[in-house]
Amino acid sequence: MQKQPQKYMPHTVQQYSITFLLLGSIISASQIYANTPTPLTESPKTISRYSTFLPVFLAEFALNQGNINQALNIYQAVVEYNNLPNINERALNIALQFDDIDTALNISKLWTQRYPNDVPAMFYLAHLSLKAHQYHLAAKTLNQILQLDPNANIEGILQGIYPESAEARQTLLLTLNQMNQTENPFILVMIAGLEAQNGLFDSALQKVNLALRKRPDTPSFIILKANLYFAANQNDAALQWLDTRSRTQNSPDVGLFEVQHLIRQNRPDDALKKLQNMLKKWSSNEKLLFLAGITSIDIKQFAQAEYYLEQLQNSENYQDQANYYLAVNAERKNNFEQALTLYKRVEGNFYTVSRKNLVAIYLKLQRSGDAMRFLTQERISHPHQASFLYQLQAQILQLTGQRQAAIHLLNEALQQMPDDAELIYTQVLLFDPFKEQERLDDALNRLLHIEPNSPTFLNAYAYTLAQQNRNLKQARKYAEQALSYAPQQASILDTLGYIAFLQNDFDIAVKTSAQAYAISPSLSIGIHYARALYMSGDIQNFAKICDELQRQYPHSDEVKQLQHLLIPNPNTSPS
């Protein structure tokens, strides 16, 4: 019997070097197909009959060129004719990486046919059968695995499998309940998860408790029991259970799950206390350090935040996050120079937000020139961010009263990137709808040519036409089209309501403006809503909205103008 891995993760893509794969191919080929010619003109299937060396090379070359289907077709042929474990696993992982479940399942079937007792191959087959909803094949394979090793850890097979539809869940439940190994703790837990999705919390809890008797320290079982408590609105019981069990764990998983729930329940002080206790045991755990750092910022424990986050500044996984939140921490302490230095170090997923924050600091310090020079240098060192950086510079120029300079800068950007929709849209927002109508129309038409179904661009065109009070029929068509793509977007509902108001369609104006105001009770939307109510004759609700707007925006001239429309009550003495 082959030795089973301690915990198998079928969705983890294994990385192999081409040298390793080709070396394995050469060795296998020399043993099986020595001195057999492999003409380059033959198809992958024909080539794979002779040697795995050339087809593996061709498959990896196709993969590097982005020809995924070609690479998978070649690898599938190699598996079909040669069936070598290291090649099989590489083929499977490529199929999984690109979510080609059918190909992956076919490869795993071929693999298990040649090596019926190969446990890793069976793990793949069981997982992929579940993913492909071939539940009888999955149950058969799981039984085979558990017959070979009744204590097998099959947790990885079951991860991310729970089907969404009630029908599929019921089919899988029936299949699992008919297995020979229904007392296996992992099978019990999967059944419990399916029952929980169906709202059967008591039955699910019983099965999890049975599983915990056999494997009391399995983190996923402990977390599932806590989730069942949460689902049954027993929050205190869930947190008490997590707190008790996390103290005896050899990994921080359970404690981290507890911390996340404490944060969700707005208990950051308790969360930080828990993290500090866990760090006594796992002092170098980067996730714990990161959570402790950002939680410390939330409760204004700035020195503690620095202590935790500075330990991550050389981390491969958390370096950017650490620098970003250290910058946030410095900014909250009004240490702006330190914040600027730290924001400049940030790359990766936090790049754009860090540059926006950096610009905000420069503007706060009235150093817009420094901001412009820095962003110009960034365009040179980060050419892939050029569009974003041009947009940020245009915003700086606009905020400092240099609208025409901003438009000129965007023209320069569009010479380099003529089809960049975001650049064009940024320019649209800068054009004066009355003085630059022709340029605005040209830009909006270009936007809709590039992305004809964008609700943002459709709405921009519709609102521009409404502002100019022209071509309202076309404007309404654009607004309705935008709303079909984004039905709950307040700005689009507001545009449609405003256009309907201009068309004297006050019923639609009131209806859509009310929806927009309910989603986003801003001043501009409130003004449109109030005007529609007034013109429809609903003075009572008009007065109510005026009162709300007056309380929220007491210095607004538009609100004061609306209030003049209210007829004074003759029985009320003037103040």
Protein backbone atom coordinates (compact mmCIF):
# COMPACT_ATOMS: atom_id res chain seq x y z
CA MET A 1 0.00 0.00 0.00
CA GLN A 2 1.26 3.47 -0.82
CA LYS A 3 1.69 5.86 2.05
CA GLN A 4 -1.08 8.41 2.27
CA PRO A 5 -0.25 12.11 2.71
CA GLN A 6 -1.07 13.54 6.11
CA LYS A 7 -3.56 16.01 4.68
CA TYR A 8 -4.33 16.25 1.00
CA MET A 9 -5.28 19.59 -0.59
CA PRO A 10 -6.58 18.85 -4.09
CA HIS A 11 -7.06 22.48 -5.04
CA THR A 12 -3.42 23.44 -4.38
CA VAL A 13 -1.54 23.74 -7.65
CA GLN A 14 1.77 21.87 -7.52
CA GLN A 15 4.65 23.74 -9.12
CA TYR A 16 7.18 21.76 -11.12
CA SER A 17 10.14 23.05 -13.06
CA ILE A 18 10.25 22.09 -16.72
CA THR A 19 13.68 20.57 -16.08
CA PHE A 20 12.18 18.26 -13.45
CA LEU A 21 9.33 17.22 -15.72
CA LEU A 22 11.55 16.66 -18.73
CA LEU A 23 14.06 14.70 -16.66
CA GLY A 24 11.25 12.44 -15.49
CA SER A 25 10.06 12.14 -19.08
CA ILE A 26 13.53 11.20 -20.33
CA ILE A 27 13.97 8.54 -17.66
CA SER A 28 10.51 7.08 -18.33
CA ALA A 29 11.00 7.20 -22.06
CA SER A 30 14.39 5.51 -21.87
CA GLN A 31 12.84 2.69 -19.91
CA ILE A 32 9.80 2.20 -22.14
CA TYR A 33 10.39 3.67 -25.58
CA ALA A 34 14.16 3.78 -26.01
CA ASN A 35 15.46 4.87 -29.43
CA THR A 36 11.98 5.45 -30.89
CA PRO A 37 11.74 8.39 -33.35
CA THR A 38 9.26 11.21 -32.63
CA PRO A 39 8.69 13.33 -35.74
CA LEU A 40 7.67 16.93 -35.01
CA THR A 41 4.98 16.73 -37.66
CA GLU A 42 2.95 14.13 -35.76
CA SER A 43 -0.04 14.99 -33.59
CA PRO A 44 0.30 15.11 -29.77
CA LYS A 45 -1.44 11.73 -29.45
CA THR A 46 0.89 10.11 -31.96
CA ILE A 47 3.95 11.67 -30.39
CA SER A 48 2.90 10.53 -26.92
CA ARG A 49 2.89 6.89 -28.06
CA TYR A 50 6.69 7.03 -28.40
CA SER A 51 8.12 9.34 -25.76
CA THR A 52 6.93 11.84 -23.19
CA PHE A 53 9.91 14.14 -23.67
CA LEU A 54 8.73 16.10 -26.71
CA PRO A 55 5.01 16.37 -25.82
CA VAL A 56 5.82 17.57 -22.30
CA PHE A 57 8.14 20.18 -23.80
CA LEU A 58 5.44 21.24 -26.28
CA ALA A 59 2.79 21.36 -23.56
CA GLU A 60 4.93 23.54 -21.28
CA PHE A 61 5.82 25.80 -24.19
CA ALA A 62 2.12 26.16 -25.07
CA LEU A 63 1.35 26.93 -21.42
CA ASN A 64 4.00 29.67 -21.30
CA GLN A 65 2.52 31.15 -24.46
CA GLY A 66 -0.95 31.20 -22.89
CA ASN A 67 -2.34 28.39 -25.08
CA ILE A 68 -4.07 26.61 -22.21
CA ASN A 69 -6.33 24.34 -24.28
CA GLN A 70 -3.41 23.15 -26.40
CA ALA A 71 -1.32 22.42 -23.30
CA LEU A 72 -4.15 20.46 -21.68
CA ASN A 73 -4.87 18.49 -24.86
CA ILE A 74 -1.23 17.43 -25.11
CA TYR A 75 -1.01 16.52 -21.42
CA GLN A 76 -4.26 14.55 -21.63
CA ALA A 77 -2.81 12.55 -24.52
CA VAL A 78 0.39 11.87 -22.54
CA VAL A 79 -1.68 10.63 -19.60
CA GLU A 80 -3.79 8.44 -21.86
CA TYR A 81 -0.84 6.67 -23.51
CA ASN A 82 1.94 6.81 -20.89
CA ASN A 83 0.28 7.48 -17.51
CA LEU A 84 3.25 8.44 -15.36
CA PRO A 85 2.40 9.75 -11.84
CA ASN A 86 4.51 12.93 -11.89
CA ILE A 87 3.21 13.86 -15.36
CA ASN A 88 -0.34 12.99 -14.34
CA GLU A 89 -0.18 15.26 -11.32
CA ARG A 90 1.23 18.13 -13.38
CA ALA A 91 -1.58 17.71 -15.94
CA LEU A 92 -4.18 17.63 -13.18
CA ASN A 93 -2.87 20.74 -11.50
CA ILE A 94 -2.89 22.71 -14.75
CA ALA A 95 -6.50 21.66 -15.35
CA LEU A 96 -7.44 22.67 -11.79
CA GLN A 97 -5.57 25.96 -12.03
CA PHE A 98 -7.67 26.93 -15.04
CA ASP A 99 -10.86 25.39 -13.61
CA ASP A 100 -11.22 22.76 -16.35
CA ILE A 101 -12.98 20.21 -14.15
CA ASP A 102 -13.99 17.87 -16.99
CA THR A 103 -10.41 17.47 -18.20
CA ALA A 104 -9.11 17.09 -14.65
CA LEU A 105 -11.70 14.42 -13.89
CA ASN A 106 -10.86 12.51 -17.08
CA ILE A 107 -7.13 12.60 -16.22
CA SER A 108 -7.78 11.36 -12.68
CA LYS A 109 -9.91 8.48 -14.04
CA LEU A 110 -7.11 7.44 -16.41
CA TRP A 111 -4.60 7.69 -13.56
CA THR A 112 -6.60 5.45 -11.20
CA GLN A 113 -7.25 2.92 -13.95
CA ARG A 114 -3.51 2.37 -14.37
CA TYR A 115 -2.72 2.66 -10.62
CA PRO A 116 -5.85 1.47 -8.75
CA ASN A 117 -4.20 1.62 -5.31
CA ASP A 118 -2.50 4.98 -5.75
CA VAL A 119 -3.99 6.94 -2.85
CA PRO A 120 -3.12 10.46 -4.11
CA ALA A 121 -4.76 9.57 -7.43
CA MET A 122 -7.88 8.39 -5.59
CA PHE A 123 -7.92 11.58 -3.54
CA TYR A 124 -7.99 13.57 -6.76
CA LEU A 125 -10.70 11.38 -8.23
CA ALA A 126 -12.92 11.64 -5.15
CA HIS A 127 -12.55 15.42 -4.95
CA LEU A 128 -13.17 15.98 -8.65
CA SER A 129 -16.13 13.60 -8.71
CA LEU A 130 -17.74 15.64 -5.93
CA LYS A 131 -16.94 18.87 -7.77
CA ALA A 132 -18.48 17.49 -10.97
CA HIS A 133 -21.57 16.27 -9.02
CA GLN A 134 -20.77 12.63 -9.88
CA TYR A 135 -21.70 11.59 -6.35
CA HIS A 136 -21.89 7.81 -6.82
CA LEU A 137 -18.35 7.74 -8.24
CA ALA A 138 -17.23 9.96 -5.37
CA ALA A 139 -18.81 7.68 -2.75
CA LYS A 140 -17.28 4.59 -4.38
CA THR A 141 -13.82 6.21 -4.38
CA LEU A 142 -14.15 7.42 -0.79
CA ASN A 143 -15.07 3.88 0.27
CA GLN A 144 -11.97 2.54 -1.47
CA ILE A 145 -9.74 5.10 0.30
CA LEU A 146 -11.24 4.30 3.71
CA GLN A 147 -10.95 0.56 3.11
CA LEU A 148 -7.23 1.01 2.48
CA ASP A 149 -6.88 3.26 5.54
CA PRO A 150 -9.90 3.68 7.89
CA ASN A 151 -8.14 6.59 9.62
CA ALA A 152 -7.41 8.48 6.43
CA ASN A 153 -7.65 12.26 6.72
CA ILE A 154 -9.99 13.03 3.83
CA GLU A 155 -10.71 16.60 4.93
CA GLY A 156 -9.02 18.11 1.88
CA ILE A 157 -11.24 16.09 -0.46
CA LEU A 158 -14.36 17.65 1.03
CA GLN A 159 -13.26 21.29 1.05
CA GLY A 160 -15.37 23.69 -0.97
CA ILE A 161 -17.70 20.94 -2.16
CA TYR A 162 -21.08 21.80 -0.64
CA PRO A 163 -23.53 22.19 -3.55
CA GLU A 164 -25.69 25.31 -3.75
CA SER A 165 -28.99 23.84 -4.96
CA ALA A 166 -31.30 22.00 -2.55
CA GLU A 167 -31.72 19.17 -5.08
CA ALA A 168 -27.95 18.58 -5.39
CA ARG A 169 -27.54 18.74 -1.60
CA GLN A 170 -30.26 16.12 -1.13
CA THR A 171 -28.68 13.83 -3.74
CA LEU A 172 -25.28 14.12 -2.06
CA LEU A 173 -26.80 13.55 1.39
CA LEU A 174 -28.51 10.35 0.24
CA THR A 175 -25.28 9.15 -1.40
CA LEU A 176 -23.17 9.81 1.72
CA ASN A 177 -25.73 8.16 4.01
CA GLN A 178 -25.55 5.00 1.86
CA MET A 179 -21.76 4.69 2.20
CA ASN A 180 -20.12 1.89 4.14
CA GLN A 181 -18.16 4.43 6.18
CA THR A 182 -20.89 6.72 7.54
CA GLU A 183 -19.21 6.72 11.00
CA ASN A 184 -15.99 8.19 9.59
CA PRO A 185 -15.59 11.61 11.29
CA PHE A 186 -14.97 13.43 8.02
CA ILE A 187 -18.05 11.90 6.39
CA LEU A 188 -20.06 12.82 9.50
CA VAL A 189 -18.87 16.41 9.26
CA MET A 190 -19.74 16.66 5.57
CA ILE A 191 -23.22 15.32 6.26
CA ALA A 192 -23.50 17.86 9.10
CA GLY A 193 -22.52 20.67 6.77
CA LEU A 194 -25.16 19.65 4.24
CA GLU A 195 -27.80 19.38 6.97
CA ALA A 196 -26.84 22.82 8.27
CA GLN A 197 -27.36 24.28 4.81
CA ASN A 198 -30.86 22.76 4.94
CA GLY A 199 -31.50 24.36 8.35
CA LEU A 200 -31.27 21.08 10.32
CA PHE A 201 -29.00 22.51 13.02
CA ASP A 202 -29.81 20.06 15.83
CA SER A 203 -29.14 17.01 13.67
CA ALA A 204 -25.97 18.62 12.29
CA LEU A 205 -24.75 19.40 15.80
CA GLN A 206 -25.22 15.77 16.87
CA LYS A 207 -23.08 14.57 13.98
CA VAL A 208 -20.34 17.12 14.66
CA ASN A 209 -20.27 16.02 18.30
CA LEU A 210 -19.83 12.40 17.16
CA ALA A 211 -16.98 13.45 14.88
CA LEU A 212 -15.35 15.42 17.71
CA ARG A 213 -15.35 12.36 19.96
CA LYS A 214 -13.12 10.65 17.42
CA ARG A 215 -11.04 13.71 16.48
CA PRO A 216 -11.42 16.24 19.31
CA ASP A 217 -8.60 18.53 18.19
CA THR A 218 -9.43 18.94 14.49
CA PRO A 219 -9.74 22.74 13.93
CA SER A 220 -12.32 22.49 11.14
CA PHE A 221 -14.62 20.36 13.34
CA ILE A 222 -14.34 22.84 16.21
CA ILE A 223 -15.05 25.77 13.87
CA LEU A 224 -18.02 23.99 12.30
CA LYS A 225 -19.56 23.46 15.72
CA ALA A 226 -19.09 27.17 16.48
CA ASN A 227 -20.70 28.05 13.15
CA LEU A 228 -23.70 25.88 14.04
CA TYR A 229 -24.04 27.80 17.32
CA PHE A 230 -23.83 31.10 15.42
CA ALA A 231 -26.42 29.92 12.89
CA ALA A 232 -28.76 29.02 15.76
CA ASN A 233 -28.26 32.54 17.26
CA GLN A 234 -26.30 31.13 20.22
CA ASN A 235 -23.44 33.63 19.96
CA ASP A 236 -22.33 33.42 23.59
CA ALA A 237 -22.20 29.62 23.45
CA ALA A 238 -20.18 29.81 20.21
CA LEU A 239 -17.60 32.23 21.60
CA GLN A 240 -17.30 30.32 24.87
CA TRP A 241 -16.75 27.08 22.92
CA LEU A 242 -14.09 28.72 20.72
CA ASP A 243 -12.33 30.31 23.71
CA THR A 244 -12.18 27.01 25.58
CA ARG A 245 -10.93 24.95 22.66
CA SER A 246 -8.46 27.50 21.27
CA ARG A 247 -6.40 27.31 24.48
CA THR A 248 -5.49 23.66 23.88
CA GLN A 249 -4.84 23.87 20.12
CA ASN A 250 -1.50 23.30 18.47
CA SER A 251 -2.34 25.76 15.70
CA PRO A 252 -3.85 29.28 15.82
CA ASP A 253 -6.75 28.49 13.43
CA VAL A 254 -9.48 28.28 16.07
CA GLY A 255 -8.27 31.37 17.90
CA LEU A 256 -8.13 33.34 14.65
CA PHE A 257 -11.70 32.35 13.89
CA GLU A 258 -12.73 33.60 17.35
CA VAL A 259 -10.86 36.88 16.84
CA GLN A 260 -12.63 37.51 13.54
CA HIS A 261 -16.01 37.11 15.22
CA LEU A 262 -15.02 39.40 18.09
CA ILE A 263 -14.08 42.06 15.55
CA ARG A 264 -17.38 41.58 13.69
CA GLN A 265 -19.23 42.05 16.97
CA ASN A 266 -17.40 45.36 17.49
CA ARG A 267 -15.31 44.06 20.38
CA PRO A 268 -11.80 45.12 19.27
CA ASP A 269 -10.44 45.32 22.84
CA ASP A 270 -11.37 41.67 23.47
CA ALA A 271 -10.00 40.72 20.06
CA LEU A 272 -6.65 42.38 20.80
CA LYS A 273 -6.44 40.72 24.22
CA LYS A 274 -7.03 37.34 22.56
CA LEU A 275 -4.38 38.06 19.91
CA GLN A 276 -1.85 39.08 22.55
CA ASN A 277 -2.39 35.82 24.44
CA MET A 278 -2.00 33.84 21.22
CA LEU A 279 1.23 35.68 20.35
CA LYS A 280 2.76 34.42 23.60
CA LYS A 281 2.49 30.94 22.05
CA TRP A 282 3.03 31.80 18.37
CA SER A 283 5.20 34.91 18.60
CA SER A 284 6.26 34.92 14.94
CA ASN A 285 2.90 34.08 13.34
CA GLU A 286 2.50 36.77 10.70
CA LYS A 287 -1.29 36.69 10.50
CA LEU A 288 -1.54 37.17 14.27
CA LEU A 289 0.94 40.04 14.17
CA PHE A 290 -0.93 41.71 11.31
CA LEU A 291 -4.34 41.43 12.98
CA ALA A 292 -2.89 42.67 16.26
CA GLY A 293 -1.39 45.66 14.44
CA ILE A 294 -4.53 46.80 12.61
CA THR A 295 -6.74 46.11 15.66
CA SER A 296 -4.39 48.30 17.73
CA ILE A 297 -4.85 51.11 15.20
CA ASP A 298 -8.64 50.80 15.49
CA ILE A 299 -8.52 51.34 19.26
CA LYS A 300 -5.87 54.08 18.93
CA GLN A 301 -3.08 52.06 20.55
CA PHE A 302 -0.56 53.52 18.11
CA ALA A 303 2.64 52.40 19.86
CA GLN A 304 1.39 48.81 20.00
CA ALA A 305 0.41 48.97 16.33
CA GLU A 306 3.95 49.98 15.42
CA TYR A 307 5.42 47.20 17.58
CA TYR A 308 3.43 44.51 15.75
CA LEU A 309 3.53 45.89 12.20
CA GLU A 310 7.24 46.76 12.17
CA GLN A 311 7.96 43.05 12.60
CA LEU A 312 6.30 42.47 9.21
CA GLN A 313 8.15 45.08 7.15
CA ASN A 314 10.47 42.43 5.70
CA SER A 315 7.76 39.79 5.37
CA GLU A 316 7.26 38.25 1.95
CA ASN A 317 3.49 38.05 2.49
CA TYR A 318 2.71 41.10 4.62
CA GLN A 319 5.32 43.72 3.71
CA ASP A 320 2.99 45.97 1.71
CA GLN A 321 0.13 45.67 4.20
CA ALA A 322 2.50 46.45 7.08
CA ASN A 323 3.89 49.57 5.39
CA TYR A 324 0.41 50.72 4.43
CA TYR A 325 -1.03 50.41 7.92
CA LEU A 326 2.10 51.86 9.51
CA ALA A 327 1.52 54.86 7.23
CA VAL A 328 -2.13 55.03 8.34
CA ASN A 329 -0.91 54.81 11.94
CA ALA A 330 1.57 57.66 11.39
CA GLU A 331 -1.10 59.76 9.69
CA ARG A 332 -3.46 59.34 12.64
CA LYS A 333 -0.65 60.56 14.90
CA ASN A 334 -0.27 63.60 12.58
CA ASN A 335 3.25 62.44 11.71
CA PHE A 336 2.76 63.30 8.04
CA GLU A 337 6.37 63.07 6.87
CA GLN A 338 6.66 59.53 8.20
CA ALA A 339 3.31 58.66 6.60
CA LEU A 340 4.51 59.97 3.21
CA THR A 341 7.71 57.91 3.44
CA LEU A 342 5.79 54.73 4.31
CA TYR A 343 3.10 55.23 1.65
CA LYS A 344 5.84 55.54 -0.99
CA ARG A 345 7.14 52.08 -0.07
CA VAL A 346 3.81 50.36 -0.71
CA GLU A 347 3.39 48.22 -3.85
CA GLY A 348 1.05 45.39 -4.85
CA ASN A 349 -2.66 45.48 -4.10
CA PHE A 350 -2.31 48.49 -1.81
CA TYR A 351 -0.56 50.62 -4.44
CA THR A 352 -3.50 52.71 -5.65
CA VAL A 353 -5.03 53.43 -2.24
CA SER A 354 -1.60 54.34 -0.83
CA ARG A 355 -1.03 56.87 -3.64
CA LYS A 356 -4.47 58.39 -3.10
CA ASN A 357 -3.75 58.76 0.62
CA LEU A 358 -0.33 60.20 -0.16
CA VAL A 359 -1.86 62.83 -2.46
CA ALA A 360 -4.43 63.71 0.20
CA ILE A 361 -1.59 64.42 2.65
CA TYR A 362 0.31 66.56 0.12
CA LEU A 363 -2.85 68.60 -0.53
CA LYS A 364 -3.49 68.94 3.19
CA LEU A 365 0.04 70.31 3.56
CA GLN A 366 -0.56 72.59 0.52
CA ARG A 367 2.24 70.87 -1.40
CA SER A 368 0.44 70.10 -4.65
CA GLY A 369 3.64 70.74 -6.65
CA ASP A 370 5.44 68.00 -4.71
CA ALA A 371 2.53 65.66 -5.37
CA MET A 372 2.61 66.36 -9.12
CA ARG A 373 6.38 65.81 -9.32
CA PHE A 374 6.19 62.58 -7.37
CA LEU A 375 3.39 61.18 -9.56
CA THR A 376 5.27 62.13 -12.73
CA GLN A 377 8.26 60.15 -11.46
CA GLU A 378 5.91 57.27 -10.58
CA ARG A 379 4.71 57.15 -14.20
CA ILE A 380 8.30 56.44 -15.22
CA SER A 381 8.99 53.81 -12.55
CA HIS A 382 5.49 52.25 -12.72
CA PRO A 383 4.43 52.44 -16.41
CA HIS A 384 1.67 49.85 -15.89
CA GLN A 385 0.01 52.34 -13.50
CA ALA A 386 0.24 55.25 -15.93
CA SER A 387 -3.51 55.61 -16.50
CA PHE A 388 -4.27 55.69 -12.77
CA LEU A 389 -1.43 58.16 -12.11
CA TYR A 390 -2.56 60.52 -14.89
CA GLN A 391 -6.08 60.48 -13.43
CA LEU A 392 -4.72 61.28 -9.97
CA GLN A 393 -2.70 64.19 -11.35
CA ALA A 394 -5.77 65.51 -13.18
CA GLN A 395 -7.72 65.43 -9.91
CA ILE A 396 -4.97 67.44 -8.18
CA LEU A 397 -5.08 70.08 -10.92
CA GLN A 398 -8.86 70.25 -10.72
CA LEU A 399 -8.84 70.61 -6.92
CA THR A 400 -6.28 73.41 -7.16
CA GLY A 401 -8.40 75.34 -9.68
CA GLN A 402 -6.48 74.33 -12.81
CA ARG A 403 -9.27 72.66 -14.80
CA GLN A 404 -7.89 73.44 -18.26
CA ALA A 405 -4.44 72.18 -17.24
CA ALA A 406 -6.10 68.94 -16.10
CA ILE A 407 -7.86 68.56 -19.47
CA HIS A 408 -4.57 69.26 -21.29
CA LEU A 409 -2.77 66.62 -19.17
CA LEU A 410 -5.44 64.04 -19.99
CA ASN A 411 -5.10 64.87 -23.70
CA GLU A 412 -1.40 64.03 -23.34
CA ALA A 413 -2.32 60.75 -21.64
CA LEU A 414 -4.86 59.86 -24.32
CA GLN A 415 -2.26 60.30 -27.05
CA GLN A 416 -0.45 57.37 -25.44
CA MET A 417 -3.57 55.40 -24.45
CA PRO A 418 -6.34 56.47 -26.86
CA ASP A 419 -8.79 53.74 -25.87
CA ASP A 420 -8.43 54.01 -22.11
CA ALA A 421 -12.03 54.44 -20.97
CA GLU A 422 -11.13 55.61 -17.47
CA LEU A 423 -9.00 58.45 -18.83
CA ILE A 424 -11.80 59.55 -21.15
CA TYR A 425 -14.34 59.38 -18.32
CA THR A 426 -12.07 61.46 -16.06
CA GLN A 427 -11.96 64.07 -18.82
CA VAL A 428 -15.75 63.93 -19.23
CA LEU A 429 -16.13 64.95 -15.59
CA LEU A 430 -13.95 68.01 -16.24
CA PHE A 431 -15.75 69.38 -19.31
CA ASP A 432 -18.22 72.22 -18.86
CA PRO A 433 -21.56 70.83 -20.17
CA PHE A 434 -22.60 74.26 -21.48
CA LYS A 435 -19.36 75.76 -22.81
CA GLU A 436 -17.70 72.56 -24.11
CA GLN A 437 -20.72 70.67 -25.40
CA GLU A 438 -19.10 69.43 -28.62
CA ARG A 439 -15.98 68.08 -26.89
CA LEU A 440 -18.15 66.48 -24.20
CA ASP A 441 -20.39 64.76 -26.74
CA ASP A 442 -17.35 63.48 -28.62
CA ALA A 443 -15.84 62.03 -25.41
CA LEU A 444 -19.12 60.42 -24.34
CA ASN A 445 -19.62 58.84 -27.77
CA ARG A 446 -16.08 57.43 -27.59
CA LEU A 447 -16.87 55.97 -24.17
CA LEU A 448 -19.99 54.21 -25.41
CA HIS A 449 -18.09 52.96 -28.45
CA ILE A 450 -15.46 51.37 -26.16
CA GLU A 451 -17.89 50.06 -23.52
CA PRO A 452 -21.47 50.28 -24.85
CA ASN A 453 -22.97 48.43 -21.87
CA SER A 454 -21.25 50.29 -19.05
CA PRO A 455 -23.90 51.63 -16.64
CA THR A 456 -21.47 54.33 -15.47
CA PHE A 457 -20.86 55.69 -18.96
CA LEU A 458 -24.50 55.40 -20.03
CA ASN A 459 -25.51 57.29 -16.91
CA ALA A 460 -22.88 59.98 -17.53
CA TYR A 461 -24.24 60.60 -21.03
CA ALA A 462 -27.84 60.61 -19.82
CA TYR A 463 -27.12 63.08 -17.01
CA THR A 464 -25.12 65.35 -19.30
CA LEU A 465 -28.04 65.58 -21.74
CA ALA A 466 -30.40 66.24 -18.81
CA GLN A 467 -28.16 69.03 -17.53
CA GLN A 468 -28.32 70.62 -20.96
CA ASN A 469 -32.07 69.91 -21.19
CA ARG A 470 -31.72 68.52 -24.70
CA ASN A 471 -32.45 65.24 -26.46
CA LEU A 472 -34.32 64.03 -23.36
CA LYS A 473 -35.78 61.04 -25.18
CA GLN A 474 -32.28 59.71 -25.89
CA ALA A 475 -31.19 60.63 -22.37
CA ARG A 476 -34.04 58.61 -20.86
CA LYS A 477 -33.18 55.65 -23.08
CA TYR A 478 -29.58 55.73 -21.83
CA ALA A 479 -30.68 56.05 -18.19
CA GLU A 480 -33.13 53.14 -18.47
CA GLN A 481 -30.46 51.03 -20.17
CA ALA A 482 -27.98 51.86 -17.40
CA LEU A 483 -30.58 50.97 -14.78
CA SER A 484 -31.13 47.56 -16.36
CA TYR A 485 -27.44 46.81 -15.74
CA ALA A 486 -27.30 48.35 -12.23
CA PRO A 487 -30.87 48.42 -10.85
CA GLN A 488 -29.97 49.53 -7.30
CA GLN A 489 -27.52 52.32 -8.12
CA ALA A 490 -28.69 55.59 -6.58
CA SER A 491 -26.96 57.87 -9.11
CA ILE A 492 -28.72 56.16 -12.05
CA LEU A 493 -32.12 56.25 -10.33
CA ASP A 494 -31.54 59.95 -9.62
CA THR A 495 -30.67 60.60 -13.28
CA LEU A 496 -33.81 58.83 -14.49
CA GLY A 497 -35.93 60.73 -11.98
CA TYR A 498 -34.39 64.05 -13.05
CA ILE A 499 -35.02 63.31 -16.75
CA ALA A 500 -38.63 62.27 -16.01
CA PHE A 501 -39.04 65.54 -14.07
CA LEU A 502 -37.85 67.54 -17.08
CA GLN A 503 -40.32 65.59 -19.24
CA ASN A 504 -43.15 66.44 -16.79
CA ASP A 505 -43.54 62.73 -16.00
CA PHE A 506 -43.87 63.45 -12.29
CA ASP A 507 -45.13 60.01 -11.21
CA ILE A 508 -41.95 58.33 -12.49
CA ALA A 509 -39.87 61.25 -11.23
CA VAL A 510 -41.22 60.83 -7.69
CA LYS A 511 -40.94 57.03 -7.75
CA THR A 512 -37.34 56.80 -8.96
CA SER A 513 -36.13 59.80 -6.94
CA ALA A 514 -37.63 58.26 -3.79
CA GLN A 515 -35.73 55.03 -4.49
CA ALA A 516 -32.50 56.96 -5.04
CA TYR A 517 -32.98 59.00 -1.86
CA ALA A 518 -33.67 55.86 0.20
CA ILE A 519 -30.38 54.35 -1.00
CA SER A 520 -28.30 57.53 -0.81
CA PRO A 521 -29.88 60.53 0.98
CA SER A 522 -27.45 63.09 -0.43
CA LEU A 523 -28.14 66.79 -0.94
CA SER A 524 -28.39 66.68 -4.75
CA ILE A 525 -30.66 63.62 -4.78
CA GLY A 526 -32.78 65.13 -2.00
CA ILE A 527 -33.22 68.37 -4.01
CA HIS A 528 -34.37 66.42 -7.09
CA TYR A 529 -36.75 64.35 -4.97
CA ALA A 530 -38.24 67.40 -3.25
CA ARG A 531 -38.83 69.19 -6.56
CA ALA A 532 -40.55 66.13 -8.01
CA LEU A 533 -42.79 65.89 -4.92
CA TYR A 534 -43.70 69.58 -5.19
CA MET A 535 -44.59 69.37 -8.88
CA SER A 536 -46.67 66.22 -8.27
CA GLY A 537 -48.70 68.10 -5.65
CA ASP A 538 -47.54 66.02 -2.66
CA ILE A 539 -46.93 69.03 -0.40
CA GLN A 540 -46.98 67.01 2.82
CA ASN A 541 -44.02 64.80 1.81
CA PHE A 542 -42.36 67.79 0.16
CA ALA A 543 -42.41 69.60 3.51
CA LYS A 544 -41.07 66.50 5.25
CA ILE A 545 -38.10 66.18 2.86
CA CYS A 546 -37.41 69.93 3.10
CA ASP A 547 -37.28 69.61 6.88
CA GLU A 548 -34.83 66.67 6.65
CA LEU A 549 -32.60 68.53 4.20
CA GLN A 550 -32.65 71.68 6.31
CA ARG A 551 -31.47 69.74 9.37
CA GLN A 552 -28.68 67.98 7.44
CA TYR A 553 -27.62 70.91 5.23
CA PRO A 554 -28.57 74.09 7.15
CA HIS A 555 -26.35 76.36 5.02
CA SER A 556 -27.49 75.15 1.58
CA ASP A 557 -28.91 77.91 -0.65
CA GLU A 558 -30.81 75.29 -2.67
CA VAL A 559 -32.58 74.05 0.46
CA LYS A 560 -33.48 77.64 1.42
CA GLN A 561 -34.98 78.17 -2.04
CA LEU A 562 -37.10 75.04 -1.62
CA GLN A 563 -38.39 76.23 1.73
CA HIS A 564 -39.64 79.45 0.13
CA LEU A 565 -42.07 77.27 -1.85
CA LEU A 566 -43.84 76.23 1.34
CA ILE A 567 -47.00 78.27 1.97
CA PRO A 568 -46.86 79.69 5.52
CA ASN A 569 -49.61 78.53 7.90
CA PRO A 570 -51.79 81.61 8.57
CA ASN A 571 -52.42 80.43 12.16
CA THR A 572 -48.69 80.45 12.94
CA SER A 573 -47.22 83.67 14.29
CA PRO A 574 -43.95 84.76 12.75
CA SER A 575 -40.95 84.28 14.98
